[in-house]
Amino acid sequence: MRPLEGHHAIVTGGGSGIGAAIARTLAAQGARLTLVGRRAAPIEALAHALHGTAVTADVTDRAQVDAALAHARAANGPVTILINNAGAAESTPFARIDAAGWRRMMAINLDAVFHCTQAALPDLRAASAGRIVTVASTAALKGYAYTAAYAAAKHGVLGLTRSLALELAGTSVTVNAVCPGFTDTAIVAEAAANIARISGRTPDAARAELARFNPQGRLITPEEVAASVLWLCLPDSGSITGQAIAIAGGEVM
């Protein structure tokens, strides 16, 4: 048997980038999948390819999260693995962040983790090996200029992860975070485009500047992040909890 046979994994933001790589990796190891996202087309296409379920929902809205979980359970049974992957990044000098921008970053990067985790928790506690893995960022471990709201939200995610891991330490549920550095996704492509527009450099030069944060001199691949997530989800990873796994090529935190 594949190690995740019999498990039901929910992946938020699962239609592209890191979320899609995680979905493919978990499915390859036998998990039944529910992909949740705001954009129907990408999650429906991937869910069809992986014989999973797609649920269109805004994970910053608790009522939509509860409805999505009910749909997921009806399709695939109780949730045993929750991957909190949905997120977004905005780059703005701190003095120019307005309340709406601050709230956007908190809503998608922190509030959504709270809503999804709390909604799935009864199922996870009842599972023989419940797993919660949140895709955070190296911004959960250190600061970056011009990303104060994003970094604050990701630091909050790590605090939530560590606190909940201790709260659930006497159960079968583990709670961990993975913290990728700059990863070859649409978010980094948008960041590179912004750098190029502001600085006059080419998009390739802007991507190279982001890659230089990694001592290995490259962007992380979504598949590398997915491999670490899979390891944390395996049944024999039950003693690993409350951790923040940096996937960053040796970048100093």
Protein backbone atom coordinates (compact mmCIF):
# COMPACT_ATOMS: atom_id res chain seq x y z
CA MET A 1 0.00 0.00 0.00
CA ARG A 2 1.02 3.59 -0.59
CA PRO A 3 1.58 5.29 2.80
CA LEU A 4 -1.36 7.71 2.53
CA GLU A 5 -3.95 5.18 1.39
CA GLY A 6 -7.14 5.79 3.35
CA HIS A 7 -6.29 9.42 4.11
CA HIS A 8 -8.33 12.42 3.00
CA ALA A 9 -6.24 15.55 2.41
CA ILE A 10 -7.58 19.06 1.99
CA VAL A 11 -5.24 21.46 0.18
CA THR A 12 -6.20 25.13 0.16
CA GLY A 13 -4.96 27.21 -2.73
CA GLY A 14 -4.37 23.91 -4.47
CA GLY A 15 -4.80 24.92 -8.10
CA SER A 16 -1.31 26.16 -8.92
CA GLY A 17 2.25 26.59 -7.69
CA ILE A 18 3.16 25.00 -4.37
CA GLY A 19 -0.40 23.89 -3.66
CA ALA A 20 -0.67 22.00 -6.94
CA ALA A 21 2.71 20.33 -6.37
CA ILE A 22 1.59 19.24 -2.89
CA ALA A 23 -1.69 17.88 -4.28
CA ARG A 24 0.12 15.81 -6.90
CA THR A 25 2.58 14.47 -4.35
CA LEU A 26 -0.06 13.46 -1.81
CA ALA A 27 -2.22 11.87 -4.50
CA ALA A 28 0.76 9.85 -5.73
CA GLN A 29 1.05 8.40 -2.23
CA GLY A 30 -2.59 7.36 -2.12
CA ALA A 31 -4.43 10.26 -0.46
CA ARG A 32 -7.94 11.21 -1.53
CA LEU A 33 -7.92 14.93 -2.31
CA THR A 34 -10.14 17.93 -1.86
CA LEU A 35 -8.78 21.10 -3.44
CA VAL A 36 -10.18 24.38 -2.16
CA GLY A 37 -9.68 27.75 -3.81
CA ARG A 38 -11.33 30.95 -4.96
CA ARG A 39 -10.69 30.32 -8.69
CA ALA A 40 -12.76 27.41 -9.93
CA ALA A 41 -10.99 26.61 -13.20
CA PRO A 42 -7.52 25.61 -11.89
CA ILE A 43 -8.74 23.55 -8.94
CA GLU A 44 -11.35 21.80 -11.08
CA ALA A 45 -8.79 20.92 -13.76
CA LEU A 46 -6.29 19.53 -11.27
CA ALA A 47 -8.92 17.72 -9.22
CA HIS A 48 -10.16 16.04 -12.40
CA ALA A 49 -6.63 14.94 -13.30
CA LEU A 50 -6.03 13.55 -9.81
CA HIS A 51 -9.50 11.99 -9.38
CA GLY A 52 -10.17 14.36 -6.51
CA THR A 53 -12.80 16.91 -5.51
CA ALA A 54 -12.77 20.66 -6.15
CA VAL A 55 -14.61 23.12 -3.90
CA THR A 56 -14.72 26.80 -4.77
CA ALA A 57 -14.56 28.89 -1.59
CA ASP A 58 -12.96 31.96 -0.06
CA VAL A 59 -11.03 30.59 2.92
CA THR A 60 -11.03 34.00 4.62
CA ASP A 61 -14.80 33.60 5.13
CA ARG A 62 -15.74 31.19 7.93
CA ALA A 63 -19.17 30.37 6.54
CA GLN A 64 -17.63 29.40 3.20
CA VAL A 65 -14.97 27.34 4.98
CA ASP A 66 -17.59 25.43 6.95
CA ALA A 67 -19.56 24.77 3.77
CA ALA A 68 -16.39 23.64 1.95
CA LEU A 69 -15.54 21.20 4.77
CA ALA A 70 -19.06 19.77 4.67
CA HIS A 71 -18.75 19.25 0.91
CA ALA A 72 -15.31 17.66 1.34
CA ARG A 73 -16.54 15.23 3.99
CA ALA A 74 -19.52 14.21 1.91
CA ALA A 75 -17.27 13.46 -1.05
CA ASN A 76 -14.22 11.91 0.61
CA GLY A 77 -14.97 11.17 4.27
CA PRO A 78 -13.46 12.71 7.40
CA VAL A 79 -10.43 14.95 6.96
CA THR A 80 -7.15 13.42 8.15
CA ILE A 81 -4.66 15.83 6.54
CA LEU A 82 -5.04 19.62 6.29
CA ILE A 83 -2.63 21.60 4.13
CA ASN A 84 -3.03 25.34 4.74
CA ASN A 85 -1.41 26.60 1.55
CA ALA A 86 -3.58 29.52 0.39
CA GLY A 87 -1.72 32.82 0.67
CA ALA A 88 -0.73 36.04 -1.04
CA ALA A 89 2.09 38.55 -0.79
CA GLU A 90 2.10 42.31 -1.29
CA SER A 91 5.17 44.54 -1.27
CA THR A 92 4.67 48.08 0.08
CA PRO A 93 6.81 50.44 2.17
CA PHE A 94 5.49 50.30 5.73
CA ALA A 95 4.53 54.01 5.79
CA ARG A 96 2.27 53.45 2.78
CA ILE A 97 0.40 50.35 4.02
CA ASP A 98 -3.22 51.28 4.55
CA ALA A 99 -5.69 49.49 6.81
CA ALA A 100 -7.24 47.64 3.88
CA GLY A 101 -3.88 46.33 2.70
CA TRP A 102 -2.93 45.26 6.22
CA ARG A 103 -6.27 43.46 6.57
CA ARG A 104 -5.86 41.68 3.22
CA MET A 105 -2.53 40.21 4.28
CA MET A 106 -3.87 39.11 7.66
CA ALA A 107 -7.04 37.65 6.17
CA ILE A 108 -5.50 35.35 3.58
CA ASN A 109 -2.23 34.49 5.34
CA LEU A 110 -3.36 34.15 8.97
CA ASP A 111 -7.14 34.30 9.41
CA ALA A 112 -7.63 31.60 6.76
CA VAL A 113 -5.30 29.25 8.67
CA PHE A 114 -7.35 29.82 11.82
CA HIS A 115 -10.67 29.19 10.05
CA CYS A 116 -9.61 26.07 8.17
CA THR A 117 -7.75 24.53 11.10
CA GLN A 118 -10.55 25.09 13.58
CA ALA A 119 -13.16 23.78 11.13
CA ALA A 120 -11.17 20.61 10.39
CA LEU A 121 -9.99 19.96 13.95
CA PRO A 122 -12.77 17.58 15.09
CA ASP A 123 -12.01 15.25 12.17
CA LEU A 124 -8.26 15.51 12.70
CA ARG A 125 -8.52 14.69 16.39
CA ALA A 126 -10.58 11.60 15.58
CA ALA A 127 -8.03 10.36 13.02
CA SER A 128 -5.40 7.78 13.89
CA ALA A 129 -2.73 10.15 12.54
CA GLY A 130 -4.07 13.66 11.95
CA ARG A 131 -1.74 16.07 10.20
CA ILE A 132 -1.81 19.87 9.89
CA VAL A 133 0.87 21.43 7.71
CA THR A 134 0.87 25.14 6.93
CA VAL A 135 2.90 26.60 4.10
CA ALA A 136 4.43 29.64 5.75
CA SER A 137 7.58 31.32 4.38
CA THR A 138 11.06 32.31 5.42
CA ALA A 139 9.19 35.54 6.21
CA ALA A 140 7.82 33.63 9.22
CA LEU A 141 11.40 33.34 10.51
CA LYS A 142 12.96 36.70 9.58
CA GLY A 143 12.05 40.11 8.26
CA TYR A 144 12.25 41.40 4.71
CA ALA A 145 12.05 45.07 3.77
CA TYR A 146 8.77 46.27 2.24
CA THR A 147 6.80 43.21 3.34
CA ALA A 148 5.86 44.17 6.90
CA ALA A 149 2.22 43.09 6.69
CA TYR A 150 3.05 39.79 4.99
CA ALA A 151 5.88 39.01 7.42
CA ALA A 152 3.71 39.89 10.41
CA ALA A 153 1.00 37.51 9.21
CA LYS A 154 3.49 34.70 8.57
CA HIS A 155 5.09 35.22 11.99
CA GLY A 156 1.57 34.86 13.38
CA VAL A 157 1.15 31.59 11.50
CA LEU A 158 4.29 30.23 13.14
CA GLY A 159 3.09 31.27 16.60
CA LEU A 160 -0.22 29.55 15.96
CA THR A 161 1.57 26.42 14.73
CA ARG A 162 3.79 26.16 17.79
CA SER A 163 1.01 26.88 20.27
CA LEU A 164 -1.44 24.44 18.71
CA ALA A 165 1.25 21.74 18.52
CA LEU A 166 1.68 21.94 22.30
CA GLU A 167 -2.06 22.02 22.87
CA LEU A 168 -2.49 18.85 20.79
CA ALA A 169 0.68 17.07 21.91
CA GLY A 170 -1.33 14.49 23.85
CA THR A 171 -3.33 13.54 20.76
CA SER A 172 -2.52 11.88 17.44
CA VAL A 173 -2.45 15.25 15.64
CA THR A 174 0.81 16.93 14.62
CA VAL A 175 1.04 20.59 13.63
CA ASN A 176 3.94 21.88 11.56
CA ALA A 177 4.92 24.60 9.12
CA VAL A 178 7.18 24.60 6.10
CA CYS A 179 8.99 27.84 5.34
CA PRO A 180 10.10 28.10 1.72
CA GLY A 181 12.44 30.78 0.51
CA PHE A 182 11.79 32.45 -2.82
CA THR A 183 10.08 29.74 -4.88
CA ASP A 184 9.52 29.49 -8.61
CA THR A 185 5.81 30.36 -8.56
CA ALA A 186 3.48 33.03 -9.89
CA ILE A 187 3.96 35.05 -6.68
CA VAL A 188 7.70 35.31 -7.29
CA ALA A 189 7.09 36.06 -10.97
CA GLU A 190 4.88 38.98 -9.93
CA ALA A 191 7.52 40.17 -7.45
CA ALA A 192 10.18 40.04 -10.16
CA ALA A 193 7.91 41.98 -12.51
CA ASN A 194 7.42 44.66 -9.85
CA ILE A 195 11.18 44.92 -9.27
CA ALA A 196 11.77 45.18 -13.01
CA ARG A 197 9.13 47.87 -13.41
CA ILE A 198 10.46 49.98 -10.55
CA SER A 199 14.19 49.50 -11.18
CA GLY A 200 14.31 49.33 -14.96
CA ARG A 201 16.04 45.95 -14.86
CA THR A 202 14.94 43.02 -16.98
CA PRO A 203 12.60 40.42 -15.45
CA ASP A 204 15.43 37.85 -15.65
CA ALA A 205 17.75 40.18 -13.72
CA ALA A 206 15.02 40.76 -11.13
CA ARG A 207 14.52 36.99 -10.72
CA ALA A 208 18.26 36.59 -10.28
CA GLU A 209 18.20 39.20 -7.52
CA LEU A 210 15.56 37.20 -5.65
CA ALA A 211 17.49 33.97 -6.20
CA ARG A 212 20.53 35.53 -4.53
CA PHE A 213 18.78 35.34 -1.16
CA ASN A 214 19.37 31.57 -1.46
CA PRO A 215 23.05 30.66 -0.86
CA GLN A 216 22.61 27.96 -3.49
CA GLY A 217 21.92 30.77 -5.96
CA ARG A 218 18.58 29.53 -7.24
CA LEU A 219 14.86 29.59 -6.68
CA ILE A 220 13.28 26.74 -4.72
CA THR A 221 11.02 24.46 -6.76
CA PRO A 222 7.42 23.74 -5.71
CA GLU A 223 8.24 20.03 -5.81
CA GLU A 224 10.93 20.48 -3.15
CA VAL A 225 8.38 22.07 -0.85
CA ALA A 226 5.90 19.29 -1.59
CA ALA A 227 8.46 16.63 -0.66
CA SER A 228 8.91 18.18 2.79
CA VAL A 229 5.15 18.42 3.26
CA LEU A 230 4.77 14.76 2.36
CA TRP A 231 7.39 13.76 4.94
CA LEU A 232 5.47 15.61 7.66
CA CYS A 233 2.24 13.88 6.61
CA LEU A 234 3.56 10.33 6.76
CA PRO A 235 2.19 8.07 9.50
CA ASP A 236 5.69 7.52 10.93
CA SER A 237 6.33 11.28 11.36
CA GLY A 238 4.21 11.37 14.50
CA SER A 239 6.97 12.70 16.77
CA ILE A 240 7.61 15.76 14.57
CA THR A 241 5.37 18.59 15.72
CA GLY A 242 5.62 22.31 16.39
CA GLN A 243 8.39 22.65 13.81
CA ALA A 244 9.14 25.26 11.15
CA ILE A 245 11.09 23.54 8.37
CA ALA A 246 13.08 26.08 6.33
CA ILE A 247 13.41 25.12 2.65
CA ALA A 248 15.78 27.86 1.61
CA GLY A 249 19.15 26.52 0.52
CA GLY A 250 20.89 27.55 3.72
CA GLU A 251 19.59 31.13 3.94
CA VAL A 252 20.42 32.45 7.41
CA MET A 253 17.33 33.10 9.54
